[in-house]
Amino acid sequence: GMDAEQISHEFFTCFNNRDPERLRALLDEKAALYFPKTQPLLGADRILKFLHILFRQYPELFFTVHRTLVQGNRTAVHWTNRGKNRRGEFYKNEGMTLLEFEAGKISFISDFFKDTGKF
């Protein structure tokens, strides 16, 4: 199987490829997503619903991973992104995503980013 760093990169690759089924396969059933300005999203199904909404709001959004820090079953992924929202307005941001893993699946996701005004 993939190690924590590989799964972390695969997570962003799936996001960039708009591949929710593949993304779903990376998630633990009881995974939790903590995202700015939203309630915690508990469970893989709710996380997928949230990502579908995000994909609709940002028809173009591409992440570039700059560095990945690994500590045991946790990673911190530093990224920048750019794209357009559905009104065609340009969007870019920079942030970090903390990931935790259980038995080769993502069990915890927490996003931090610099510009929260857009959301």
C-alpha atoms as a PDB file:
ATOM      1  CA  GLY A   1       0.000   0.000   0.000  1.00  0.00           C
ATOM      2  CA  MET A   2       0.867   3.673  -0.128  1.00  0.00           C
ATOM      3  CA  ASP A   3       2.608   5.425   2.746  1.00  0.00           C
ATOM      4  CA  ALA A   4       1.289   8.580   4.440  1.00  0.00           C
ATOM      5  CA  GLU A   5       3.144  10.936   2.094  1.00  0.00           C
ATOM      6  CA  GLN A   6       1.923   9.113  -1.034  1.00  0.00           C
ATOM      7  CA  ILE A   7      -1.692   9.084   0.188  1.00  0.00           C
ATOM      8  CA  SER A   8      -1.428  12.819   0.955  1.00  0.00           C
ATOM      9  CA  HIS A   9      -0.268  13.557  -2.589  1.00  0.00           C
ATOM     10  CA  GLU A  10      -2.936  11.239  -4.032  1.00  0.00           C
ATOM     11  CA  PHE A  11      -5.593  13.202  -2.094  1.00  0.00           C
ATOM     12  CA  PHE A  12      -4.622  16.420  -3.903  1.00  0.00           C
ATOM     13  CA  THR A  13      -4.241  14.625  -7.247  1.00  0.00           C
ATOM     14  CA  CYS A  14      -7.819  13.328  -6.893  1.00  0.00           C
ATOM     15  CA  PHE A  15      -8.988  16.841  -6.056  1.00  0.00           C
ATOM     16  CA  ASN A  16      -7.202  18.282  -9.103  1.00  0.00           C
ATOM     17  CA  ASN A  17      -8.627  15.515 -11.321  1.00  0.00           C
ATOM     18  CA  ARG A  18     -12.147  15.996  -9.920  1.00  0.00           C
ATOM     19  CA  ASP A  19     -12.283  12.301  -9.077  1.00  0.00           C
ATOM     20  CA  PRO A  20     -14.627  11.959  -6.074  1.00  0.00           C
ATOM     21  CA  GLU A  21     -14.859   8.155  -6.319  1.00  0.00           C
ATOM     22  CA  ARG A  22     -11.091   7.766  -6.042  1.00  0.00           C
ATOM     23  CA  LEU A  23     -11.075  10.367  -3.265  1.00  0.00           C
ATOM     24  CA  ARG A  24     -13.784   8.437  -1.405  1.00  0.00           C
ATOM     25  CA  ALA A  25     -11.592   5.321  -1.545  1.00  0.00           C
ATOM     26  CA  LEU A  26      -8.841   7.193   0.347  1.00  0.00           C
ATOM     27  CA  LEU A  27     -11.155   8.101   3.238  1.00  0.00           C
ATOM     28  CA  ASP A  28     -11.899   6.146   6.385  1.00  0.00           C
ATOM     29  CA  GLU A  29     -15.691   5.692   6.842  1.00  0.00           C
ATOM     30  CA  LYS A  30     -15.554   7.779  10.035  1.00  0.00           C
ATOM     31  CA  ALA A  31     -13.192  10.446   8.682  1.00  0.00           C
ATOM     32  CA  ALA A  32     -13.622  14.008   9.979  1.00  0.00           C
ATOM     33  CA  LEU A  33     -13.062  17.216   7.988  1.00  0.00           C
ATOM     34  CA  TYR A  34     -12.457  20.542   9.728  1.00  0.00           C
ATOM     35  CA  PHE A  35     -12.755  23.429   7.280  1.00  0.00           C
ATOM     36  CA  PRO A  36     -12.824  27.187   8.039  1.00  0.00           C
ATOM     37  CA  LYS A  37     -16.268  28.693   8.624  1.00  0.00           C
ATOM     38  CA  THR A  38     -18.121  25.365   8.608  1.00  0.00           C
ATOM     39  CA  GLN A  39     -19.212  22.875  11.247  1.00  0.00           C
ATOM     40  CA  PRO A  40     -17.011  19.763  11.474  1.00  0.00           C
ATOM     41  CA  LEU A  41     -18.023  17.294   8.764  1.00  0.00           C
ATOM     42  CA  LEU A  42     -18.147  13.781  10.182  1.00  0.00           C
ATOM     43  CA  GLY A  43     -18.114  10.699   7.962  1.00  0.00           C
ATOM     44  CA  ALA A  44     -16.866  10.031   4.441  1.00  0.00           C
ATOM     45  CA  ASP A  45     -20.307  10.601   2.866  1.00  0.00           C
ATOM     46  CA  ARG A  46     -20.682  14.098   4.334  1.00  0.00           C
ATOM     47  CA  ILE A  47     -17.130  14.974   3.299  1.00  0.00           C
ATOM     48  CA  LEU A  48     -17.899  13.890  -0.280  1.00  0.00           C
ATOM     49  CA  LYS A  49     -21.099  15.989  -0.335  1.00  0.00           C
ATOM     50  CA  PHE A  50     -19.098  18.995   0.820  1.00  0.00           C
ATOM     51  CA  LEU A  51     -16.470  18.434  -1.890  1.00  0.00           C
ATOM     52  CA  HIS A  52     -19.196  18.206  -4.563  1.00  0.00           C
ATOM     53  CA  ILE A  53     -20.462  21.637  -3.433  1.00  0.00           C
ATOM     54  CA  LEU A  54     -16.903  22.995  -3.502  1.00  0.00           C
ATOM     55  CA  PHE A  55     -16.405  21.621  -7.031  1.00  0.00           C
ATOM     56  CA  ARG A  56     -19.592  23.399  -8.139  1.00  0.00           C
ATOM     57  CA  GLN A  57     -18.559  26.699  -6.528  1.00  0.00           C
ATOM     58  CA  TYR A  58     -15.056  26.454  -8.010  1.00  0.00           C
ATOM     59  CA  PRO A  59     -15.318  24.847 -11.461  1.00  0.00           C
ATOM     60  CA  GLU A  60     -11.587  25.509 -11.815  1.00  0.00           C
ATOM     61  CA  LEU A  61      -9.359  24.947  -8.789  1.00  0.00           C
ATOM     62  CA  PHE A  62      -5.897  23.463  -9.034  1.00  0.00           C
ATOM     63  CA  PHE A  63      -3.619  22.703  -6.084  1.00  0.00           C
ATOM     64  CA  THR A  64       0.178  22.690  -6.222  1.00  0.00           C
ATOM     65  CA  VAL A  65       1.824  20.832  -3.325  1.00  0.00           C
ATOM     66  CA  HIS A  66       5.064  22.538  -2.247  1.00  0.00           C
ATOM     67  CA  ARG A  67       6.138  20.435   0.723  1.00  0.00           C
ATOM     68  CA  THR A  68       4.880  17.599   2.850  1.00  0.00           C
ATOM     69  CA  LEU A  69       6.009  17.130   6.442  1.00  0.00           C
ATOM     70  CA  VAL A  70       5.587  13.611   7.808  1.00  0.00           C
ATOM     71  CA  GLN A  71       5.397  12.657  11.480  1.00  0.00           C
ATOM     72  CA  GLY A  72       4.321   9.087  12.139  1.00  0.00           C
ATOM     73  CA  ASN A  73       0.730   8.684  10.929  1.00  0.00           C
ATOM     74  CA  ARG A  74       0.323  12.427  10.292  1.00  0.00           C
ATOM     75  CA  THR A  75       1.251  14.729   7.443  1.00  0.00           C
ATOM     76  CA  ALA A  76       1.148  18.499   6.970  1.00  0.00           C
ATOM     77  CA  VAL A  77       0.840  19.502   3.320  1.00  0.00           C
ATOM     78  CA  HIS A  78       1.757  23.064   2.293  1.00  0.00           C
ATOM     79  CA  TRP A  79       0.006  24.114  -0.909  1.00  0.00           C
ATOM     80  CA  THR A  80      -0.992  26.990  -3.137  1.00  0.00           C
ATOM     81  CA  ASN A  81      -4.061  26.936  -5.339  1.00  0.00           C
ATOM     82  CA  ARG A  82      -5.540  28.968  -8.147  1.00  0.00           C
ATOM     83  CA  GLY A  83      -8.659  28.854 -10.229  1.00  0.00           C
ATOM     84  CA  LYS A  84     -11.987  30.512 -10.923  1.00  0.00           C
ATOM     85  CA  ASN A  85     -15.302  30.501  -9.125  1.00  0.00           C
ATOM     86  CA  ARG A  86     -18.552  29.907 -10.976  1.00  0.00           C
ATOM     87  CA  ARG A  87     -18.924  33.649 -11.627  1.00  0.00           C
ATOM     88  CA  GLY A  88     -15.629  33.432 -13.520  1.00  0.00           C
ATOM     89  CA  GLU A  89     -13.719  35.455 -10.903  1.00  0.00           C
ATOM     90  CA  PHE A  90     -10.072  34.593 -10.371  1.00  0.00           C
ATOM     91  CA  TYR A  91      -9.239  32.932  -7.056  1.00  0.00           C
ATOM     92  CA  LYS A  92      -5.980  31.981  -5.382  1.00  0.00           C
ATOM     93  CA  ASN A  93      -4.918  30.985  -1.908  1.00  0.00           C
ATOM     94  CA  GLU A  94      -2.148  29.407   0.122  1.00  0.00           C
ATOM     95  CA  GLY A  95      -2.546  27.046   3.011  1.00  0.00           C
ATOM     96  CA  MET A  96      -1.775  23.887   4.839  1.00  0.00           C
ATOM     97  CA  THR A  97      -3.775  20.702   5.277  1.00  0.00           C
ATOM     98  CA  LEU A  98      -3.193  18.425   8.249  1.00  0.00           C
ATOM     99  CA  LEU A  99      -3.974  14.767   7.575  1.00  0.00           C
ATOM    100  CA  GLU A 100      -4.062  11.773   9.918  1.00  0.00           C
ATOM    101  CA  PHE A 101      -4.197   8.147   8.860  1.00  0.00           C
ATOM    102  CA  GLU A 102      -5.603   4.916  10.279  1.00  0.00           C
ATOM    103  CA  ALA A 103      -4.916   1.586   8.580  1.00  0.00           C
ATOM    104  CA  GLY A 104      -3.867   3.279   5.339  1.00  0.00           C
ATOM    105  CA  LYS A 105      -6.940   5.535   5.104  1.00  0.00           C
ATOM    106  CA  ILE A 106      -7.365   9.241   5.828  1.00  0.00           C
ATOM    107  CA  SER A 107      -9.148   9.602   9.182  1.00  0.00           C
ATOM    108  CA  PHE A 108      -8.736  13.343   9.870  1.00  0.00           C
ATOM    109  CA  ILE A 109      -8.435  16.416   7.634  1.00  0.00           C
ATOM    110  CA  SER A 110      -8.024  19.979   8.878  1.00  0.00           C
ATOM    111  CA  ASP A 111      -7.531  22.901   6.497  1.00  0.00           C
ATOM    112  CA  PHE A 112      -5.813  26.191   7.264  1.00  0.00           C
ATOM    113  CA  PHE A 113      -5.489  28.941   4.675  1.00  0.00           C
ATOM    114  CA  LYS A 114      -4.399  32.546   4.464  1.00  0.00           C
ATOM    115  CA  ASP A 115      -7.316  34.240   2.723  1.00  0.00           C
ATOM    116  CA  THR A 116     -10.585  33.259   4.412  1.00  0.00           C
ATOM    117  CA  GLY A 117     -12.492  36.274   3.081  1.00  0.00           C
ATOM    118  CA  LYS A 118     -13.452  34.552  -0.157  1.00  0.00           C
ATOM    119  CA  PHE A 119     -15.407  31.702   1.438  1.00  0.00           C
END
